[in-house]
N, C-alpha and C. Protein backbone atom coordinates (compact mmCIF):
# COMPACT_ATOMS: atom_id res chain seq x y z
N MET A 1 0.84 -1.18 0.00
CA MET A 1 0.00 0.00 0.00
C MET A 1 0.89 1.25 0.00
N VAL A 2 0.58 2.19 -0.86
CA VAL A 2 1.34 3.43 -0.96
C VAL A 2 0.86 4.40 0.11
N ARG A 3 1.83 4.98 0.81
CA ARG A 3 1.53 5.96 1.85
C ARG A 3 2.46 7.16 1.65
N ARG A 4 2.04 8.29 2.18
CA ARG A 4 2.89 9.48 2.16
C ARG A 4 3.35 9.75 3.58
N ARG A 5 4.64 10.08 3.72
CA ARG A 5 5.18 10.39 5.04
C ARG A 5 6.06 11.63 4.94
N PRO A 6 6.27 12.30 6.06
CA PRO A 6 7.18 13.46 6.05
C PRO A 6 8.60 13.03 5.68
N PHE A 7 9.34 13.94 5.10
CA PHE A 7 10.72 13.67 4.71
C PHE A 7 11.65 14.47 5.61
N ASP A 8 12.60 13.79 6.23
CA ASP A 8 13.58 14.43 7.11
C ASP A 8 14.73 14.96 6.26
N ILE A 9 14.59 16.18 5.78
CA ILE A 9 15.59 16.75 4.88
C ILE A 9 16.93 16.94 5.59
N ASP A 10 16.90 17.30 6.86
CA ASP A 10 18.16 17.49 7.59
C ASP A 10 18.90 16.16 7.76
N GLY A 11 18.16 15.12 8.13
CA GLY A 11 18.77 13.80 8.27
C GLY A 11 19.30 13.28 6.95
N TYR A 12 18.55 13.52 5.87
CA TYR A 12 18.99 13.08 4.55
C TYR A 12 20.26 13.84 4.14
N GLY A 13 20.27 15.14 4.37
CA GLY A 13 21.44 15.95 4.03
C GLY A 13 22.69 15.46 4.75
N LYS A 14 22.54 15.15 6.02
CA LYS A 14 23.66 14.62 6.81
C LYS A 14 24.13 13.28 6.23
N LEU A 15 23.17 12.43 5.89
CA LEU A 15 23.48 11.11 5.34
C LEU A 15 24.29 11.22 4.05
N VAL A 16 23.86 12.06 3.12
CA VAL A 16 24.55 12.13 1.82
C VAL A 16 25.92 12.78 1.93
N ARG A 17 26.13 13.59 2.95
CA ARG A 17 27.46 14.18 3.15
C ARG A 17 28.43 13.22 3.81
N GLU A 18 27.92 12.24 4.54
CA GLU A 18 28.78 11.36 5.33
C GLU A 18 29.02 9.99 4.72
N ARG A 19 28.25 9.60 3.75
CA ARG A 19 28.40 8.24 3.22
C ARG A 19 28.96 8.27 1.81
N GLN A 20 29.26 7.08 1.31
CA GLN A 20 29.70 6.91 -0.07
C GLN A 20 28.60 7.40 -1.01
N CYS A 21 28.97 7.79 -2.18
CA CYS A 21 28.03 8.19 -3.23
C CYS A 21 27.04 7.05 -3.48
N PHE A 22 25.74 7.37 -3.44
CA PHE A 22 24.74 6.32 -3.61
C PHE A 22 24.75 5.73 -5.02
N VAL A 23 25.08 6.53 -6.02
CA VAL A 23 25.13 6.00 -7.39
C VAL A 23 26.33 5.07 -7.54
N CYS A 24 27.48 5.49 -7.05
CA CYS A 24 28.67 4.64 -7.12
C CYS A 24 28.45 3.35 -6.34
N GLY A 25 27.78 3.45 -5.19
CA GLY A 25 27.47 2.26 -4.40
C GLY A 25 26.56 1.30 -5.15
N LEU A 26 25.53 1.83 -5.80
CA LEU A 26 24.62 1.00 -6.58
C LEU A 26 25.36 0.33 -7.74
N VAL A 27 26.12 1.12 -8.49
CA VAL A 27 26.84 0.59 -9.65
C VAL A 27 27.83 -0.49 -9.24
N SER A 28 28.44 -0.35 -8.07
CA SER A 28 29.43 -1.34 -7.61
C SER A 28 28.78 -2.60 -7.06
N GLY A 29 27.45 -2.58 -6.90
CA GLY A 29 26.75 -3.76 -6.40
C GLY A 29 26.64 -3.84 -4.89
N ASP A 30 26.96 -2.76 -4.20
CA ASP A 30 26.86 -2.72 -2.74
C ASP A 30 25.39 -2.78 -2.34
N SER A 31 25.01 -3.82 -1.61
CA SER A 31 23.60 -4.02 -1.24
C SER A 31 23.06 -2.91 -0.36
N ALA A 32 23.92 -2.15 0.30
CA ALA A 32 23.45 -1.02 1.11
C ALA A 32 22.87 0.08 0.23
N PHE A 33 23.16 0.04 -1.06
CA PHE A 33 22.69 1.06 -1.98
C PHE A 33 21.74 0.48 -3.03
N ALA A 34 21.12 -0.63 -2.73
CA ALA A 34 20.21 -1.28 -3.68
C ALA A 34 19.03 -0.37 -4.00
N HIS A 35 18.66 -0.36 -5.25
CA HIS A 35 17.50 0.38 -5.75
C HIS A 35 16.77 -0.54 -6.73
N HIS A 36 15.57 -0.15 -7.10
CA HIS A 36 14.82 -0.88 -8.12
C HIS A 36 15.23 -0.31 -9.48
N VAL A 37 16.09 -1.04 -10.18
CA VAL A 37 16.64 -0.60 -11.46
C VAL A 37 15.61 -0.82 -12.56
N VAL A 38 15.43 0.21 -13.39
CA VAL A 38 14.50 0.10 -14.53
C VAL A 38 15.25 0.00 -15.85
N TYR A 39 16.52 0.41 -15.86
CA TYR A 39 17.32 0.35 -17.09
C TYR A 39 18.79 0.34 -16.71
N GLU A 40 19.56 -0.43 -17.48
CA GLU A 40 21.01 -0.42 -17.28
C GLU A 40 21.68 -0.87 -18.56
N ASP A 41 22.71 -0.14 -18.95
CA ASP A 41 23.59 -0.57 -20.03
C ASP A 41 25.02 -0.27 -19.59
N GLU A 42 25.98 -0.35 -20.49
CA GLU A 42 27.38 -0.15 -20.09
C GLU A 42 27.68 1.28 -19.67
N PHE A 43 26.83 2.23 -20.06
CA PHE A 43 27.09 3.65 -19.84
C PHE A 43 26.21 4.27 -18.77
N ALA A 44 24.97 3.81 -18.65
CA ALA A 44 23.99 4.49 -17.80
C ALA A 44 23.20 3.50 -16.95
N ILE A 45 22.60 4.04 -15.90
CA ILE A 45 21.71 3.26 -15.05
C ILE A 45 20.54 4.17 -14.66
N ALA A 46 19.35 3.59 -14.58
CA ALA A 46 18.15 4.33 -14.18
C ALA A 46 17.40 3.50 -13.16
N PHE A 47 16.89 4.15 -12.13
CA PHE A 47 16.26 3.43 -11.03
C PHE A 47 15.23 4.30 -10.34
N LEU A 48 14.30 3.63 -9.65
CA LEU A 48 13.30 4.37 -8.90
C LEU A 48 13.95 5.14 -7.76
N ASN A 49 13.51 6.36 -7.58
CA ASN A 49 13.95 7.21 -6.48
C ASN A 49 13.53 6.56 -5.16
N LYS A 50 14.43 6.46 -4.21
CA LYS A 50 14.08 5.87 -2.90
C LYS A 50 13.21 6.80 -2.06
N TYR A 51 13.21 8.08 -2.39
CA TYR A 51 12.44 9.06 -1.62
C TYR A 51 11.55 9.87 -2.57
N PRO A 52 10.61 9.21 -3.23
CA PRO A 52 9.84 9.89 -4.27
C PRO A 52 8.67 10.71 -3.74
N PRO A 53 8.60 11.98 -4.10
CA PRO A 53 7.38 12.73 -3.80
C PRO A 53 6.26 12.39 -4.78
N LEU A 54 6.61 11.74 -5.89
CA LEU A 54 5.65 11.34 -6.93
C LEU A 54 5.88 9.88 -7.30
N ALA A 55 4.82 9.16 -7.58
CA ALA A 55 4.94 7.75 -8.00
C ALA A 55 5.61 7.68 -9.37
N GLY A 56 6.53 6.74 -9.52
CA GLY A 56 7.21 6.56 -10.80
C GLY A 56 8.38 7.49 -11.02
N TYR A 57 8.83 8.16 -9.99
CA TYR A 57 9.95 9.11 -10.05
C TYR A 57 11.24 8.32 -10.23
N VAL A 58 11.93 8.56 -11.34
CA VAL A 58 13.12 7.79 -11.70
C VAL A 58 14.34 8.71 -11.77
N LEU A 59 15.49 8.19 -11.36
CA LEU A 59 16.77 8.89 -11.51
C LEU A 59 17.57 8.20 -12.61
N VAL A 60 18.18 9.00 -13.48
CA VAL A 60 19.00 8.49 -14.57
C VAL A 60 20.42 9.03 -14.39
N CYS A 61 21.40 8.14 -14.40
CA CYS A 61 22.78 8.53 -14.08
C CYS A 61 23.77 7.88 -15.03
N PRO A 62 24.88 8.57 -15.31
CA PRO A 62 25.98 7.85 -15.95
C PRO A 62 26.56 6.90 -14.91
N LYS A 63 27.04 5.76 -15.34
CA LYS A 63 27.65 4.83 -14.39
C LYS A 63 28.99 5.36 -13.87
N ALA A 64 29.77 5.96 -14.75
CA ALA A 64 31.04 6.54 -14.33
C ALA A 64 30.76 7.80 -13.52
N ARG A 65 31.51 8.00 -12.48
CA ARG A 65 31.30 9.18 -11.63
C ARG A 65 31.65 10.45 -12.40
N ARG A 66 30.66 11.26 -12.58
CA ARG A 66 30.81 12.58 -13.20
C ARG A 66 30.07 13.56 -12.31
N THR A 67 30.61 14.75 -12.15
CA THR A 67 29.99 15.71 -11.24
C THR A 67 29.54 16.99 -11.95
N GLU A 68 29.75 17.07 -13.23
CA GLU A 68 29.33 18.23 -14.01
C GLU A 68 28.24 17.81 -14.99
N VAL A 69 27.22 18.63 -15.11
CA VAL A 69 26.08 18.30 -15.97
C VAL A 69 26.50 18.19 -17.44
N THR A 70 27.41 19.03 -17.88
CA THR A 70 27.87 18.96 -19.26
C THR A 70 29.39 18.88 -19.37
N GLY A 71 30.11 19.52 -18.48
CA GLY A 71 31.55 19.72 -18.59
C GLY A 71 32.39 18.46 -18.68
N GLU A 72 31.94 17.36 -18.13
CA GLU A 72 32.75 16.14 -18.14
C GLU A 72 32.28 15.13 -19.19
N PHE A 73 31.38 15.56 -20.06
CA PHE A 73 30.86 14.69 -21.11
C PHE A 73 31.29 15.21 -22.47
N SER A 74 31.61 14.30 -23.37
CA SER A 74 31.71 14.71 -24.77
C SER A 74 30.27 14.93 -25.25
N LEU A 75 30.12 15.59 -26.36
CA LEU A 75 28.77 15.80 -26.90
C LEU A 75 28.09 14.46 -27.16
N GLY A 76 28.83 13.50 -27.69
CA GLY A 76 28.26 12.18 -27.95
C GLY A 76 27.80 11.48 -26.69
N GLU A 77 28.60 11.56 -25.62
CA GLU A 77 28.21 10.94 -24.34
C GLU A 77 26.97 11.62 -23.76
N TYR A 78 26.94 12.94 -23.87
CA TYR A 78 25.79 13.68 -23.34
C TYR A 78 24.51 13.28 -24.09
N VAL A 79 24.60 13.21 -25.40
CA VAL A 79 23.45 12.81 -26.20
C VAL A 79 23.05 11.37 -25.88
N GLN A 80 24.02 10.50 -25.68
CA GLN A 80 23.74 9.10 -25.31
C GLN A 80 22.96 9.05 -23.99
N LEU A 81 23.39 9.83 -23.02
CA LEU A 81 22.70 9.84 -21.73
C LEU A 81 21.30 10.45 -21.86
N GLN A 82 21.18 11.51 -22.65
CA GLN A 82 19.87 12.13 -22.82
C GLN A 82 18.91 11.21 -23.58
N THR A 83 19.45 10.33 -24.41
CA THR A 83 18.62 9.32 -25.07
C THR A 83 18.01 8.38 -24.04
N VAL A 84 18.78 8.04 -23.01
CA VAL A 84 18.25 7.21 -21.92
C VAL A 84 17.20 7.99 -21.13
N VAL A 85 17.47 9.26 -20.84
CA VAL A 85 16.48 10.10 -20.14
C VAL A 85 15.17 10.12 -20.92
N TYR A 86 15.27 10.31 -22.23
CA TYR A 86 14.08 10.32 -23.09
C TYR A 86 13.34 8.98 -23.02
N ALA A 87 14.07 7.88 -23.16
CA ALA A 87 13.43 6.56 -23.14
C ALA A 87 12.75 6.30 -21.80
N VAL A 88 13.39 6.69 -20.71
CA VAL A 88 12.79 6.52 -19.38
C VAL A 88 11.54 7.37 -19.27
N ALA A 89 11.61 8.62 -19.68
CA ALA A 89 10.45 9.51 -19.59
C ALA A 89 9.28 8.97 -20.40
N GLU A 90 9.54 8.48 -21.59
CA GLU A 90 8.46 7.95 -22.42
C GLU A 90 7.89 6.66 -21.83
N ALA A 91 8.73 5.85 -21.22
CA ALA A 91 8.24 4.63 -20.56
C ALA A 91 7.38 4.99 -19.35
N VAL A 92 7.83 5.95 -18.56
CA VAL A 92 7.03 6.40 -17.41
C VAL A 92 5.70 6.97 -17.90
N ARG A 93 5.73 7.72 -19.00
CA ARG A 93 4.49 8.27 -19.57
C ARG A 93 3.54 7.14 -19.98
N ALA A 94 4.07 6.11 -20.62
CA ALA A 94 3.24 4.99 -21.07
C ALA A 94 2.63 4.23 -19.89
N VAL A 95 3.39 4.05 -18.83
CA VAL A 95 2.93 3.27 -17.68
C VAL A 95 1.97 4.06 -16.80
N LEU A 96 2.29 5.32 -16.52
CA LEU A 96 1.53 6.09 -15.52
C LEU A 96 0.58 7.12 -16.11
N GLN A 97 0.75 7.46 -17.37
CA GLN A 97 -0.09 8.45 -18.05
C GLN A 97 -0.21 9.75 -17.25
N PRO A 98 0.92 10.36 -16.92
CA PRO A 98 0.89 11.60 -16.15
C PRO A 98 0.42 12.78 -17.00
N GLU A 99 0.06 13.84 -16.32
CA GLU A 99 -0.31 15.08 -16.99
C GLU A 99 0.92 15.72 -17.64
N ARG A 100 2.05 15.57 -16.97
CA ARG A 100 3.29 16.17 -17.44
C ARG A 100 4.47 15.40 -16.85
N ILE A 101 5.58 15.40 -17.57
CA ILE A 101 6.83 14.83 -17.05
C ILE A 101 7.80 16.00 -16.85
N CYS A 102 8.34 16.10 -15.65
CA CYS A 102 9.36 17.11 -15.36
C CYS A 102 10.72 16.43 -15.38
N ILE A 103 11.69 17.06 -16.03
CA ILE A 103 13.05 16.53 -16.09
C ILE A 103 14.00 17.60 -15.58
N MET A 104 14.81 17.21 -14.60
CA MET A 104 15.73 18.15 -13.96
C MET A 104 17.04 17.45 -13.65
N SER A 105 18.10 18.23 -13.57
CA SER A 105 19.35 17.74 -13.01
C SER A 105 19.58 18.52 -11.73
N LEU A 106 19.57 17.82 -10.62
CA LEU A 106 19.76 18.43 -9.31
C LEU A 106 20.92 17.72 -8.62
N GLY A 107 21.37 18.27 -7.54
CA GLY A 107 22.46 17.69 -6.77
C GLY A 107 23.35 18.81 -6.28
N SER A 108 24.39 18.46 -5.59
CA SER A 108 25.27 19.45 -5.00
C SER A 108 26.66 18.87 -4.89
N GLN A 109 27.66 19.68 -5.04
CA GLN A 109 29.02 19.19 -4.85
C GLN A 109 29.24 18.78 -3.39
N ALA A 110 28.40 19.28 -2.48
CA ALA A 110 28.51 18.94 -1.06
C ALA A 110 27.81 17.63 -0.71
N GLY A 111 27.04 17.09 -1.62
CA GLY A 111 26.31 15.83 -1.39
C GLY A 111 25.52 15.48 -2.63
N ASN A 112 25.48 14.22 -2.98
CA ASN A 112 24.86 13.77 -4.23
C ASN A 112 25.52 14.43 -5.44
N ALA A 113 26.85 14.47 -5.41
CA ALA A 113 27.60 15.14 -6.48
C ALA A 113 27.58 14.36 -7.80
N HIS A 114 27.39 13.04 -7.75
CA HIS A 114 27.33 12.23 -8.97
C HIS A 114 26.15 12.74 -9.79
N VAL A 115 26.44 13.26 -10.95
CA VAL A 115 25.40 13.90 -11.75
C VAL A 115 24.28 12.92 -12.05
N HIS A 116 23.05 13.41 -12.00
CA HIS A 116 21.89 12.56 -12.27
C HIS A 116 20.72 13.43 -12.71
N TRP A 117 19.84 12.81 -13.49
CA TRP A 117 18.65 13.49 -13.96
C TRP A 117 17.44 12.89 -13.27
N HIS A 118 16.52 13.76 -12.90
CA HIS A 118 15.27 13.37 -12.26
C HIS A 118 14.19 13.34 -13.33
N VAL A 119 13.48 12.24 -13.43
CA VAL A 119 12.33 12.11 -14.32
C VAL A 119 11.13 11.97 -13.39
N ALA A 120 10.35 13.06 -13.29
CA ALA A 120 9.29 13.15 -12.29
C ALA A 120 7.93 13.29 -12.96
N PRO A 121 7.09 12.26 -12.89
CA PRO A 121 5.77 12.31 -13.52
C PRO A 121 4.73 12.99 -12.63
N LEU A 122 4.12 14.03 -13.15
CA LEU A 122 3.07 14.74 -12.42
C LEU A 122 1.73 14.11 -12.76
N PRO A 123 1.04 13.54 -11.77
CA PRO A 123 -0.24 12.90 -12.07
C PRO A 123 -1.30 13.93 -12.47
N PRO A 124 -2.33 13.50 -13.19
CA PRO A 124 -3.42 14.41 -13.55
C PRO A 124 -4.13 14.93 -12.31
N GLY A 125 -4.64 16.14 -12.42
CA GLY A 125 -5.48 16.69 -11.36
C GLY A 125 -4.77 17.39 -10.22
N VAL A 126 -3.46 17.54 -10.30
CA VAL A 126 -2.74 18.24 -9.24
C VAL A 126 -3.02 19.74 -9.39
N PRO A 127 -3.47 20.41 -8.32
CA PRO A 127 -3.74 21.84 -8.41
C PRO A 127 -2.48 22.62 -8.83
N PRO A 128 -2.64 23.69 -9.60
CA PRO A 128 -1.48 24.43 -10.12
C PRO A 128 -0.47 24.84 -9.05
N GLU A 129 -0.93 25.22 -7.88
CA GLU A 129 0.00 25.66 -6.83
C GLU A 129 0.81 24.50 -6.25
N GLN A 130 0.43 23.27 -6.57
CA GLN A 130 1.17 22.09 -6.10
C GLN A 130 1.98 21.44 -7.23
N GLN A 131 2.09 22.13 -8.37
CA GLN A 131 2.85 21.61 -9.49
C GLN A 131 4.27 22.17 -9.49
N GLN A 132 5.01 21.89 -10.50
CA GLN A 132 6.38 22.34 -10.71
C GLN A 132 7.25 22.03 -9.51
N PHE A 133 7.97 23.00 -8.96
CA PHE A 133 8.90 22.72 -7.86
C PHE A 133 8.18 22.17 -6.64
N ALA A 134 6.95 22.63 -6.39
CA ALA A 134 6.20 22.14 -5.22
C ALA A 134 5.96 20.64 -5.31
N ALA A 135 5.76 20.13 -6.51
CA ALA A 135 5.46 18.70 -6.68
C ALA A 135 6.67 17.81 -6.39
N VAL A 136 7.87 18.33 -6.61
CA VAL A 136 9.07 17.52 -6.41
C VAL A 136 9.82 17.88 -5.13
N ASP A 137 9.30 18.80 -4.37
CA ASP A 137 9.93 19.22 -3.11
C ASP A 137 9.54 18.23 -2.01
N ALA A 138 10.39 17.26 -1.77
CA ALA A 138 10.09 16.20 -0.80
C ALA A 138 9.87 16.76 0.60
N GLU A 139 10.57 17.82 0.93
CA GLU A 139 10.40 18.41 2.26
C GLU A 139 8.99 18.97 2.42
N ARG A 140 8.48 19.58 1.37
CA ARG A 140 7.14 20.18 1.41
C ARG A 140 6.04 19.14 1.19
N ALA A 141 6.24 18.27 0.19
CA ALA A 141 5.19 17.32 -0.21
C ALA A 141 5.24 16.02 0.57
N GLY A 142 6.37 15.73 1.20
CA GLY A 142 6.56 14.42 1.80
C GLY A 142 6.99 13.43 0.73
N VAL A 143 7.21 12.20 1.14
CA VAL A 143 7.61 11.17 0.18
C VAL A 143 6.66 9.99 0.26
N LEU A 144 6.55 9.30 -0.85
CA LEU A 144 5.71 8.11 -0.91
C LEU A 144 6.52 6.91 -0.44
N THR A 145 5.88 6.04 0.28
CA THR A 145 6.53 4.78 0.66
C THR A 145 5.73 3.65 0.02
N PHE A 146 6.44 2.74 -0.58
CA PHE A 146 5.83 1.61 -1.27
C PHE A 146 6.26 0.33 -0.56
N ASP A 147 5.39 -0.65 -0.54
CA ASP A 147 5.83 -1.98 -0.15
C ASP A 147 6.84 -2.41 -1.21
N ASP A 148 7.81 -3.23 -0.84
CA ASP A 148 8.85 -3.64 -1.77
C ASP A 148 8.25 -4.27 -3.02
N GLY A 149 7.21 -5.07 -2.87
CA GLY A 149 6.58 -5.71 -4.02
C GLY A 149 5.95 -4.70 -4.97
N GLU A 150 5.38 -3.63 -4.41
CA GLU A 150 4.78 -2.59 -5.25
C GLU A 150 5.86 -1.86 -6.05
N ALA A 151 6.95 -1.52 -5.39
CA ALA A 151 8.04 -0.84 -6.08
C ALA A 151 8.64 -1.75 -7.15
N GLU A 152 8.80 -3.01 -6.83
CA GLU A 152 9.35 -3.97 -7.79
C GLU A 152 8.43 -4.10 -9.01
N ALA A 153 7.13 -4.15 -8.78
CA ALA A 153 6.18 -4.27 -9.89
C ALA A 153 6.20 -3.02 -10.77
N LEU A 154 6.26 -1.85 -10.15
CA LEU A 154 6.32 -0.60 -10.90
C LEU A 154 7.62 -0.53 -11.71
N ALA A 155 8.73 -0.90 -11.10
CA ALA A 155 10.01 -0.90 -11.81
C ALA A 155 9.96 -1.84 -13.01
N LEU A 156 9.35 -3.00 -12.84
CA LEU A 156 9.24 -3.96 -13.94
C LEU A 156 8.40 -3.39 -15.07
N GLN A 157 7.29 -2.75 -14.75
CA GLN A 157 6.44 -2.15 -15.79
C GLN A 157 7.22 -1.09 -16.57
N ILE A 158 7.94 -0.24 -15.86
CA ILE A 158 8.71 0.81 -16.53
C ILE A 158 9.83 0.18 -17.37
N SER A 159 10.51 -0.80 -16.83
CA SER A 159 11.58 -1.48 -17.54
C SER A 159 11.08 -2.12 -18.83
N GLN A 160 9.94 -2.78 -18.76
CA GLN A 160 9.37 -3.41 -19.95
C GLN A 160 8.96 -2.36 -20.98
N ALA A 161 8.44 -1.23 -20.53
CA ALA A 161 8.08 -0.16 -21.45
C ALA A 161 9.33 0.44 -22.11
N ILE A 162 10.41 0.54 -21.36
CA ILE A 162 11.68 1.01 -21.94
C ILE A 162 12.13 0.03 -23.02
N ASP A 163 12.10 -1.25 -22.70
CA ASP A 163 12.51 -2.27 -23.68
C ASP A 163 11.68 -2.17 -24.95
N ARG A 164 10.39 -1.96 -24.81
CA ARG A 164 9.52 -1.84 -26.00
C ARG A 164 9.88 -0.60 -26.80
N GLY A 165 10.23 0.48 -26.10
CA GLY A 165 10.55 1.74 -26.78
C GLY A 165 11.91 1.75 -27.45
N LEU A 166 12.85 0.97 -26.93
CA LEU A 166 14.20 0.96 -27.48
C LEU A 166 14.40 -0.07 -28.57
N THR A 167 13.42 -0.96 -28.75
CA THR A 167 13.59 -2.00 -29.77
C THR A 167 12.74 -1.73 -30.99
């Protein structure tokens, strides 16, 4: 059952400053950083956000540690990664049929420095004042919690939609 709970932004901030990079941990196979992966190839990985303010919120990352949105990528690498962002967004659209998909690159050199893109599906019917930044602000909106089976099922649906879109 999906529930919404408050998000401890201070605790999360402390966590990301004190631990290994969560993307590097996931890519290395460290079980402490396990996520529900929806896509993976030799260059990129995409997975469900562990702290989603919206259902189907996916993060897309290069596997190699990069901390600049454009500066550390060749044009070809950047386009390759954006192709994955596009495929993920279209798969999320097919599965969840949101009113809009928001795509952002967020993070900080002080924590979550591994560059990543947020693919955030806005469900239909959200009042305008709760859209855009308000919809993805976990501190304001809280985060959704899923039973592991629910998250796994959603990840599988998105993964299958990506496979259909890329073939």
